[in-house]
Amino acid sequence: MADIGPNIKKLAIMKFSKDAIPNGGGFKDGIKALLDKNLSRRMLECIEWAKQAVAAVRAAKLPNPWINATDEEIAAEILKQTEARRG
């Protein structure tokens, strides 16, 4: 994970936590996710998801203010908008 920045990591962790404890889930779901034998693979999948989310924003049709932004800037904006929607 050394090749990715803190915002990509946060975005991947957000995805992982949402997968681990879905809406309506609870403590039991979280423990089950942490004890999963495939924890590392699942985290790598979430990192890949985060990279794909950033790539999708960059590939959006023009006018696209994010086309020349860094991966970290785009990930930060995704996190910001996600937090805003949560309230």
PDB file of N, CA and C in Angstrom:
ATOM      1  N   MET A   1       0.827  -1.197   0.000  1.00  0.00           N
ATOM      2  CA  MET A   1       0.000   0.000   0.000  1.00  0.00           C
ATOM      3  C   MET A   1       0.865   1.253   0.000  1.00  0.00           C
ATOM      4  N   ALA A   2       2.152   1.091  -0.139  1.00  0.00           N
ATOM      5  CA  ALA A   2       3.052   2.238  -0.114  1.00  0.00           C
ATOM      6  C   ALA A   2       2.866   3.142  -1.329  1.00  0.00           C
ATOM      7  N   ASP A   3       2.356   2.594  -2.421  1.00  0.00           N
ATOM      8  CA  ASP A   3       2.209   3.387  -3.633  1.00  0.00           C
ATOM      9  C   ASP A   3       0.917   4.191  -3.700  1.00  0.00           C
ATOM     10  N   ILE A   4       0.108   4.130  -2.658  1.00  0.00           N
ATOM     11  CA  ILE A   4      -1.131   4.910  -2.641  1.00  0.00           C
ATOM     12  C   ILE A   4      -1.088   5.885  -1.472  1.00  0.00           C
ATOM     13  N   GLY A   5      -1.788   6.990  -1.656  1.00  0.00           N
ATOM     14  CA  GLY A   5      -1.788   8.034  -0.642  1.00  0.00           C
ATOM     15  C   GLY A   5      -2.866   7.850   0.413  1.00  0.00           C
ATOM     16  N   PRO A   6      -2.902   8.747   1.375  1.00  0.00           N
ATOM     17  CA  PRO A   6      -3.829   8.611   2.498  1.00  0.00           C
ATOM     18  C   PRO A   6      -5.304   8.706   2.104  1.00  0.00           C
ATOM     19  N   ASN A   7      -5.631   9.497   1.099  1.00  0.00           N
ATOM     20  CA  ASN A   7      -7.043   9.613   0.722  1.00  0.00           C
ATOM     21  C   ASN A   7      -7.544   8.370  -0.004  1.00  0.00           C
ATOM     22  N   ILE A   8      -6.692   7.749  -0.816  1.00  0.00           N
ATOM     23  CA  ILE A   8      -7.066   6.480  -1.455  1.00  0.00           C
ATOM     24  C   ILE A   8      -7.249   5.422  -0.372  1.00  0.00           C
ATOM     25  N   LYS A   9      -6.360   5.402   0.618  1.00  0.00           N
ATOM     26  CA  LYS A   9      -6.480   4.449   1.721  1.00  0.00           C
ATOM     27  C   LYS A   9      -7.781   4.661   2.482  1.00  0.00           C
ATOM     28  N   LYS A  10      -8.122   5.921   2.768  1.00  0.00           N
ATOM     29  CA  LYS A  10      -9.369   6.217   3.486  1.00  0.00           C
ATOM     30  C   LYS A  10     -10.586   5.774   2.681  1.00  0.00           C
ATOM     31  N   LEU A  11     -10.527   6.003   1.363  1.00  0.00           N
ATOM     32  CA  LEU A  11     -11.634   5.602   0.497  1.00  0.00           C
ATOM     33  C   LEU A  11     -11.780   4.080   0.485  1.00  0.00           C
ATOM     34  N   ALA A  12     -10.661   3.364   0.425  1.00  0.00           N
ATOM     35  CA  ALA A  12     -10.696   1.900   0.454  1.00  0.00           C
ATOM     36  C   ALA A  12     -11.217   1.391   1.796  1.00  0.00           C
ATOM     37  N   ILE A  13     -10.800   2.007   2.882  1.00  0.00           N
ATOM     38  CA  ILE A  13     -11.269   1.602   4.213  1.00  0.00           C
ATOM     39  C   ILE A  13     -12.758   1.884   4.369  1.00  0.00           C
ATOM     40  N   MET A  14     -13.222   3.004   3.819  1.00  0.00           N
ATOM     41  CA  MET A  14     -14.645   3.306   3.855  1.00  0.00           C
ATOM     42  C   MET A  14     -15.435   2.205   3.140  1.00  0.00           C
ATOM     43  N   LYS A  15     -14.953   1.780   1.976  1.00  0.00           N
ATOM     44  CA  LYS A  15     -15.606   0.708   1.215  1.00  0.00           C
ATOM     45  C   LYS A  15     -15.580  -0.596   2.006  1.00  0.00           C
ATOM     46  N   PHE A  16     -14.416  -0.915   2.580  1.00  0.00           N
ATOM     47  CA  PHE A  16     -14.291  -2.145   3.354  1.00  0.00           C
ATOM     48  C   PHE A  16     -15.266  -2.155   4.528  1.00  0.00           C
ATOM     49  N   SER A  17     -15.347  -1.048   5.249  1.00  0.00           N
ATOM     50  CA  SER A  17     -16.227  -0.997   6.421  1.00  0.00           C
ATOM     51  C   SER A  17     -17.693  -1.099   6.019  1.00  0.00           C
ATOM     52  N   LYS A  18     -18.040  -0.517   4.886  1.00  0.00           N
ATOM     53  CA  LYS A  18     -19.428  -0.599   4.397  1.00  0.00           C
ATOM     54  C   LYS A  18     -19.764  -2.032   3.990  1.00  0.00           C
ATOM     55  N   ASP A  19     -18.792  -2.711   3.375  1.00  0.00           N
ATOM     56  CA  ASP A  19     -19.000  -4.117   3.013  1.00  0.00           C
ATOM     57  C   ASP A  19     -19.083  -4.999   4.257  1.00  0.00           C
ATOM     58  N   ALA A  20     -18.246  -4.694   5.249  1.00  0.00           N
ATOM     59  CA  ALA A  20     -18.190  -5.512   6.465  1.00  0.00           C
ATOM     60  C   ALA A  20     -19.451  -5.371   7.303  1.00  0.00           C
ATOM     61  N   ILE A  21     -19.928  -4.147   7.442  1.00  0.00           N
ATOM     62  CA  ILE A  21     -21.122  -3.894   8.248  1.00  0.00           C
ATOM     63  C   ILE A  21     -22.121  -3.126   7.381  1.00  0.00           C
ATOM     64  N   PRO A  22     -22.947  -3.845   6.637  1.00  0.00           N
ATOM     65  CA  PRO A  22     -23.921  -3.190   5.761  1.00  0.00           C
ATOM     66  C   PRO A  22     -25.021  -2.502   6.573  1.00  0.00           C
ATOM     67  N   ASN A  23     -25.839  -1.718   5.898  1.00  0.00           N
ATOM     68  CA  ASN A  23     -26.977  -1.073   6.571  1.00  0.00           C
ATOM     69  C   ASN A  23     -27.795  -2.133   7.302  1.00  0.00           C
ATOM     70  N   GLY A  24     -28.099  -1.865   8.545  1.00  0.00           N
ATOM     71  CA  GLY A  24     -28.860  -2.801   9.353  1.00  0.00           C
ATOM     72  C   GLY A  24     -27.989  -3.837  10.054  1.00  0.00           C
ATOM     73  N   GLY A  25     -26.696  -3.853   9.724  1.00  0.00           N
ATOM     74  CA  GLY A  25     -25.777  -4.802  10.350  1.00  0.00           C
ATOM     75  C   GLY A  25     -25.356  -4.315  11.720  1.00  0.00           C
ATOM     76  N   GLY A  26     -24.484  -5.075  12.324  1.00  0.00           N
ATOM     77  CA  GLY A  26     -24.055  -4.691  13.658  1.00  0.00           C
ATOM     78  C   GLY A  26     -22.716  -5.277  14.035  1.00  0.00           C
ATOM     79  N   PHE A  27     -22.485  -5.336  15.339  1.00  0.00           N
ATOM     80  CA  PHE A  27     -21.226  -5.787  15.913  1.00  0.00           C
ATOM     81  C   PHE A  27     -20.836  -7.171  15.395  1.00  0.00           C
ATOM     82  N   LYS A  28     -21.796  -8.064  15.334  1.00  0.00           N
ATOM     83  CA  LYS A  28     -21.545  -9.440  14.883  1.00  0.00           C
ATOM     84  C   LYS A  28     -20.981  -9.449  13.464  1.00  0.00           C
ATOM     85  N   ASP A  29     -21.515  -8.610  12.603  1.00  0.00           N
ATOM     86  CA  ASP A  29     -21.017  -8.525  11.226  1.00  0.00           C
ATOM     87  C   ASP A  29     -19.574  -8.038  11.193  1.00  0.00           C
ATOM     88  N   GLY A  30     -19.254  -7.060  12.025  1.00  0.00           N
ATOM     89  CA  GLY A  30     -17.898  -6.535  12.080  1.00  0.00           C
ATOM     90  C   GLY A  30     -16.898  -7.575  12.546  1.00  0.00           C
ATOM     91  N   ILE A  31     -17.243  -8.329  13.579  1.00  0.00           N
ATOM     92  CA  ILE A  31     -16.362  -9.377  14.081  1.00  0.00           C
ATOM     93  C   ILE A  31     -16.165 -10.450  13.011  1.00  0.00           C
ATOM     94  N   LYS A  32     -17.252 -10.817  12.352  1.00  0.00           N
ATOM     95  CA  LYS A  32     -17.169 -11.827  11.295  1.00  0.00           C
ATOM     96  C   LYS A  32     -16.217 -11.361  10.187  1.00  0.00           C
ATOM     97  N   ALA A  33     -16.298 -10.103   9.804  1.00  0.00           N
ATOM     98  CA  ALA A  33     -15.435  -9.568   8.751  1.00  0.00           C
ATOM     99  C   ALA A  33     -13.970  -9.579   9.178  1.00  0.00           C
ATOM    100  N   LEU A  34     -13.698  -9.228  10.431  1.00  0.00           N
ATOM    101  CA  LEU A  34     -12.317  -9.190  10.913  1.00  0.00           C
ATOM    102  C   LEU A  34     -11.705 -10.586  11.063  1.00  0.00           C
ATOM    103  N   LEU A  35     -12.529 -11.583  11.295  1.00  0.00           N
ATOM    104  CA  LEU A  35     -12.048 -12.947  11.450  1.00  0.00           C
ATOM    105  C   LEU A  35     -11.997 -13.716  10.132  1.00  0.00           C
ATOM    106  N   ASP A  36     -12.427 -13.099   9.060  1.00  0.00           N
ATOM    107  CA  ASP A  36     -12.455 -13.732   7.747  1.00  0.00           C
ATOM    108  C   ASP A  36     -11.041 -14.087   7.292  1.00  0.00           C
ATOM    109  N   LYS A  37     -10.862 -15.307   6.800  1.00  0.00           N
ATOM    110  CA  LYS A  37      -9.556 -15.757   6.310  1.00  0.00           C
ATOM    111  C   LYS A  37      -9.085 -14.949   5.111  1.00  0.00           C
ATOM    112  N   ASN A  38     -10.002 -14.352   4.403  1.00  0.00           N
ATOM    113  CA  ASN A  38      -9.688 -13.614   3.183  1.00  0.00           C
ATOM    114  C   ASN A  38      -9.610 -12.108   3.416  1.00  0.00           C
ATOM    115  N   LEU A  39      -9.311 -11.697   4.627  1.00  0.00           N
ATOM    116  CA  LEU A  39      -9.276 -10.279   4.979  1.00  0.00           C
ATOM    117  C   LEU A  39      -8.324  -9.495   4.078  1.00  0.00           C
ATOM    118  N   SER A  40      -7.131  -9.993   3.867  1.00  0.00           N
ATOM    119  CA  SER A  40      -6.150  -9.288   3.031  1.00  0.00           C
ATOM    120  C   SER A  40      -6.650  -9.149   1.591  1.00  0.00           C
ATOM    121  N   ARG A  41      -7.202 -10.228   1.062  1.00  0.00           N
ATOM    122  CA  ARG A  41      -7.712 -10.179  -0.314  1.00  0.00           C
ATOM    123  C   ARG A  41      -8.859  -9.178  -0.431  1.00  0.00           C
ATOM    124  N   ARG A  42      -9.731  -9.170   0.557  1.00  0.00           N
ATOM    125  CA  ARG A  42     -10.859  -8.233   0.525  1.00  0.00           C
ATOM    126  C   ARG A  42     -10.382  -6.781   0.587  1.00  0.00           C
ATOM    127  N   MET A  43      -9.348  -6.531   1.405  1.00  0.00           N
ATOM    128  CA  MET A  43      -8.814  -5.171   1.488  1.00  0.00           C
ATOM    129  C   MET A  43      -8.171  -4.772   0.169  1.00  0.00           C
ATOM    130  N   LEU A  44      -7.452  -5.675  -0.468  1.00  0.00           N
ATOM    131  CA  LEU A  44      -6.863  -5.380  -1.780  1.00  0.00           C
ATOM    132  C   LEU A  44      -7.949  -5.092  -2.820  1.00  0.00           C
ATOM    133  N   GLU A  45      -9.061  -5.811  -2.737  1.00  0.00           N
ATOM    134  CA  GLU A  45     -10.191  -5.554  -3.633  1.00  0.00           C
ATOM    135  C   GLU A  45     -10.763  -4.153  -3.393  1.00  0.00           C
ATOM    136  N   CYS A  46     -10.813  -3.743  -2.145  1.00  0.00           N
ATOM    137  CA  CYS A  46     -11.325  -2.406  -1.831  1.00  0.00           C
ATOM    138  C   CYS A  46     -10.367  -1.319  -2.316  1.00  0.00           C
ATOM    139  N   ILE A  47      -9.067  -1.576  -2.248  1.00  0.00           N
ATOM    140  CA  ILE A  47      -8.097  -0.623  -2.787  1.00  0.00           C
ATOM    141  C   ILE A  47      -8.282  -0.505  -4.293  1.00  0.00           C
ATOM    142  N   GLU A  48      -8.470  -1.622  -4.946  1.00  0.00           N
ATOM    143  CA  GLU A  48      -8.704  -1.597  -6.400  1.00  0.00           C
ATOM    144  C   GLU A  48     -10.001  -0.850  -6.717  1.00  0.00           C
ATOM    145  N   TRP A  49     -11.041  -1.061  -5.911  1.00  0.00           N
ATOM    146  CA  TRP A  49     -12.307  -0.344  -6.092  1.00  0.00           C
ATOM    147  C   TRP A  49     -12.082   1.158  -5.981  1.00  0.00           C
ATOM    148  N   ALA A  50     -11.298   1.577  -4.996  1.00  0.00           N
ATOM    149  CA  ALA A  50     -11.029   3.005  -4.803  1.00  0.00           C
ATOM    150  C   ALA A  50     -10.301   3.583  -6.017  1.00  0.00           C
ATOM    151  N   LYS A  51      -9.329   2.839  -6.526  1.00  0.00           N
ATOM    152  CA  LYS A  51      -8.608   3.295  -7.719  1.00  0.00           C
ATOM    153  C   LYS A  51      -9.546   3.400  -8.918  1.00  0.00           C
ATOM    154  N   GLN A  52     -10.460   2.452  -9.050  1.00  0.00           N
ATOM    155  CA  GLN A  52     -11.424   2.485 -10.149  1.00  0.00           C
ATOM    156  C   GLN A  52     -12.403   3.655  -9.997  1.00  0.00           C
ATOM    157  N   ALA A  53     -12.785   3.965  -8.768  1.00  0.00           N
ATOM    158  CA  ALA A  53     -13.678   5.101  -8.529  1.00  0.00           C
ATOM    159  C   ALA A  53     -13.000   6.398  -8.955  1.00  0.00           C
ATOM    160  N   VAL A  54     -11.735   6.548  -8.618  1.00  0.00           N
ATOM    161  CA  VAL A  54     -10.969   7.735  -9.012  1.00  0.00           C
ATOM    162  C   VAL A  54     -10.856   7.795 -10.531  1.00  0.00           C
ATOM    163  N   ALA A  55     -10.570   6.666 -11.162  1.00  0.00           N
ATOM    164  CA  ALA A  55     -10.447   6.622 -12.627  1.00  0.00           C
ATOM    165  C   ALA A  55     -11.766   6.973 -13.301  1.00  0.00           C
ATOM    166  N   ALA A  56     -12.882   6.536 -12.712  1.00  0.00           N
ATOM    167  CA  ALA A  56     -14.197   6.851 -13.281  1.00  0.00           C
ATOM    168  C   ALA A  56     -14.475   8.349 -13.239  1.00  0.00           C
ATOM    169  N   VAL A  57     -14.095   8.999 -12.147  1.00  0.00           N
ATOM    170  CA  VAL A  57     -14.279  10.451 -12.043  1.00  0.00           C
ATOM    171  C   VAL A  57     -13.425  11.150 -13.095  1.00  0.00           C
ATOM    172  N   ARG A  58     -12.196  10.714 -13.225  1.00  0.00           N
ATOM    173  CA  ARG A  58     -11.290  11.342 -14.198  1.00  0.00           C
ATOM    174  C   ARG A  58     -11.795  11.130 -15.631  1.00  0.00           C
ATOM    175  N   ALA A  59     -12.436  10.018 -15.907  1.00  0.00           N
ATOM    176  CA  ALA A  59     -12.896   9.687 -17.254  1.00  0.00           C
ATOM    177  C   ALA A  59     -14.260  10.283 -17.597  1.00  0.00           C
ATOM    178  N   ALA A  60     -14.874  10.985 -16.666  1.00  0.00           N
ATOM    179  CA  ALA A  60     -16.199  11.563 -16.913  1.00  0.00           C
ATOM    180  C   ALA A  60     -16.143  12.523 -18.102  1.00  0.00           C
ATOM    181  N   LYS A  61     -17.283  12.659 -18.751  1.00  0.00           N
ATOM    182  CA  LYS A  61     -17.362  13.526 -19.932  1.00  0.00           C
ATOM    183  C   LYS A  61     -17.083  14.975 -19.591  1.00  0.00           C
ATOM    184  N   LEU A  62     -16.642  15.690 -20.591  1.00  0.00           N
ATOM    185  CA  LEU A  62     -16.350  17.119 -20.438  1.00  0.00           C
ATOM    186  C   LEU A  62     -17.639  17.900 -20.299  1.00  0.00           C
ATOM    187  N   PRO A  63     -17.716  18.991 -19.616  1.00  0.00           N
ATOM    188  CA  PRO A  63     -16.606  19.591 -18.889  1.00  0.00           C
ATOM    189  C   PRO A  63     -16.351  18.833 -17.596  1.00  0.00           C
ATOM    190  N   ASN A  64     -15.108  18.464 -17.389  1.00  0.00           N
ATOM    191  CA  ASN A  64     -14.712  17.677 -16.230  1.00  0.00           C
ATOM    192  C   ASN A  64     -13.590  18.415 -15.496  1.00  0.00           C
ATOM    193  N   PRO A  65     -13.898  19.052 -14.368  1.00  0.00           N
ATOM    194  CA  PRO A  65     -12.867  19.792 -13.638  1.00  0.00           C
ATOM    195  C   PRO A  65     -11.822  18.881 -12.986  1.00  0.00           C
ATOM    196  N   TRP A  66     -12.056  17.585 -12.972  1.00  0.00           N
ATOM    197  CA  TRP A  66     -11.154  16.649 -12.295  1.00  0.00           C
ATOM    198  C   TRP A  66     -10.213  15.925 -13.245  1.00  0.00           C
ATOM    199  N   ILE A  67     -10.287  16.228 -14.523  1.00  0.00           N
ATOM    200  CA  ILE A  67      -9.510  15.484 -15.518  1.00  0.00           C
ATOM    201  C   ILE A  67      -7.998  15.564 -15.273  1.00  0.00           C
ATOM    202  N   ASN A  68      -7.514  16.679 -14.769  1.00  0.00           N
ATOM    203  CA  ASN A  68      -6.078  16.843 -14.516  1.00  0.00           C
ATOM    204  C   ASN A  68      -5.709  16.792 -13.036  1.00  0.00           C
ATOM    205  N   ALA A  69      -6.672  16.439 -12.188  1.00  0.00           N
ATOM    206  CA  ALA A  69      -6.409  16.362 -10.745  1.00  0.00           C
ATOM    207  C   ALA A  69      -5.637  15.088 -10.420  1.00  0.00           C
ATOM    208  N   THR A  70      -4.965  15.105  -9.287  1.00  0.00           N
ATOM    209  CA  THR A  70      -4.260  13.898  -8.839  1.00  0.00           C
ATOM    210  C   THR A  70      -5.263  12.899  -8.266  1.00  0.00           C
ATOM    211  N   ASP A  71      -4.824  11.666  -8.158  1.00  0.00           N
ATOM    212  CA  ASP A  71      -5.671  10.640  -7.550  1.00  0.00           C
ATOM    213  C   ASP A  71      -6.068  11.036  -6.134  1.00  0.00           C
ATOM    214  N   GLU A  72      -5.136  11.614  -5.403  1.00  0.00           N
ATOM    215  CA  GLU A  72      -5.401  12.027  -4.022  1.00  0.00           C
ATOM    216  C   GLU A  72      -6.444  13.136  -3.959  1.00  0.00           C
ATOM    217  N   GLU A  73      -6.386  14.085  -4.878  1.00  0.00           N
ATOM    218  CA  GLU A  73      -7.369  15.177  -4.895  1.00  0.00           C
ATOM    219  C   GLU A  73      -8.759  14.644  -5.205  1.00  0.00           C
ATOM    220  N   ILE A  74      -8.838  13.727  -6.155  1.00  0.00           N
ATOM    221  CA  ILE A  74     -10.139  13.151  -6.509  1.00  0.00           C
ATOM    222  C   ILE A  74     -10.680  12.319  -5.350  1.00  0.00           C
ATOM    223  N   ALA A  75      -9.840  11.500  -4.744  1.00  0.00           N
ATOM    224  CA  ALA A  75     -10.282  10.683  -3.603  1.00  0.00           C
ATOM    225  C   ALA A  75     -10.756  11.566  -2.454  1.00  0.00           C
ATOM    226  N   ALA A  76     -10.053  12.676  -2.217  1.00  0.00           N
ATOM    227  CA  ALA A  76     -10.458  13.604  -1.158  1.00  0.00           C
ATOM    228  C   ALA A  76     -11.842  14.179  -1.447  1.00  0.00           C
ATOM    229  N   GLU A  77     -12.111  14.494  -2.693  1.00  0.00           N
ATOM    230  CA  GLU A  77     -13.426  15.041  -3.053  1.00  0.00           C
ATOM    231  C   GLU A  77     -14.519  13.980  -2.909  1.00  0.00           C
ATOM    232  N   ILE A  78     -14.233  12.746  -3.290  1.00  0.00           N
ATOM    233  CA  ILE A  78     -15.213  11.663  -3.111  1.00  0.00           C
ATOM    234  C   ILE A  78     -15.535  11.503  -1.625  1.00  0.00           C
ATOM    235  N   LEU A  79     -14.504  11.492  -0.796  1.00  0.00           N
ATOM    236  CA  LEU A  79     -14.711  11.386   0.658  1.00  0.00           C
ATOM    237  C   LEU A  79     -15.522  12.562   1.187  1.00  0.00           C
ATOM    238  N   LYS A  80     -15.200  13.759   0.733  1.00  0.00           N
ATOM    239  CA  LYS A  80     -15.905  14.967   1.173  1.00  0.00           C
ATOM    240  C   LYS A  80     -17.386  14.896   0.813  1.00  0.00           C
ATOM    241  N   GLN A  81     -17.675  14.510  -0.413  1.00  0.00           N
ATOM    242  CA  GLN A  81     -19.080  14.428  -0.844  1.00  0.00           C
ATOM    243  C   GLN A  81     -19.823  13.303  -0.142  1.00  0.00           C
ATOM    244  N   THR A  82     -19.126  12.209   0.134  1.00  0.00           N
ATOM    245  CA  THR A  82     -19.751  11.100   0.859  1.00  0.00           C
ATOM    246  C   THR A  82     -20.140  11.546   2.272  1.00  0.00           C
ATOM    247  N   GLU A  83     -19.233  12.240   2.942  1.00  0.00           N
ATOM    248  CA  GLU A  83     -19.512  12.754   4.291  1.00  0.00           C
ATOM    249  C   GLU A  83     -20.676  13.736   4.261  1.00  0.00           C
ATOM    250  N   ALA A  84     -20.720  14.589   3.258  1.00  0.00           N
ATOM    251  CA  ALA A  84     -21.799  15.578   3.154  1.00  0.00           C
ATOM    252  C   ALA A  84     -23.156  14.883   2.998  1.00  0.00           C
ATOM    253  N   ARG A  85     -23.193  13.801   2.266  1.00  0.00           N
ATOM    254  CA  ARG A  85     -24.455  13.073   2.060  1.00  0.00           C
ATOM    255  C   ARG A  85     -24.896  12.330   3.307  1.00  0.00           C
ATOM    256  N   ARG A  86     -23.933  11.934   4.122  1.00  0.00           N
ATOM    257  CA  ARG A  86     -24.269  11.231   5.370  1.00  0.00           C
ATOM    258  C   ARG A  86     -24.883  12.182   6.382  1.00  0.00           C
ATOM    259  N   GLY A  87     -24.583  13.464   6.231  1.00  0.00           N
ATOM    260  CA  GLY A  87     -25.170  14.462   7.117  1.00  0.00           C
ATOM    261  C   GLY A  87     -24.350  14.770   8.252  1.00  0.00           C
TER     262      GLY A  87
END
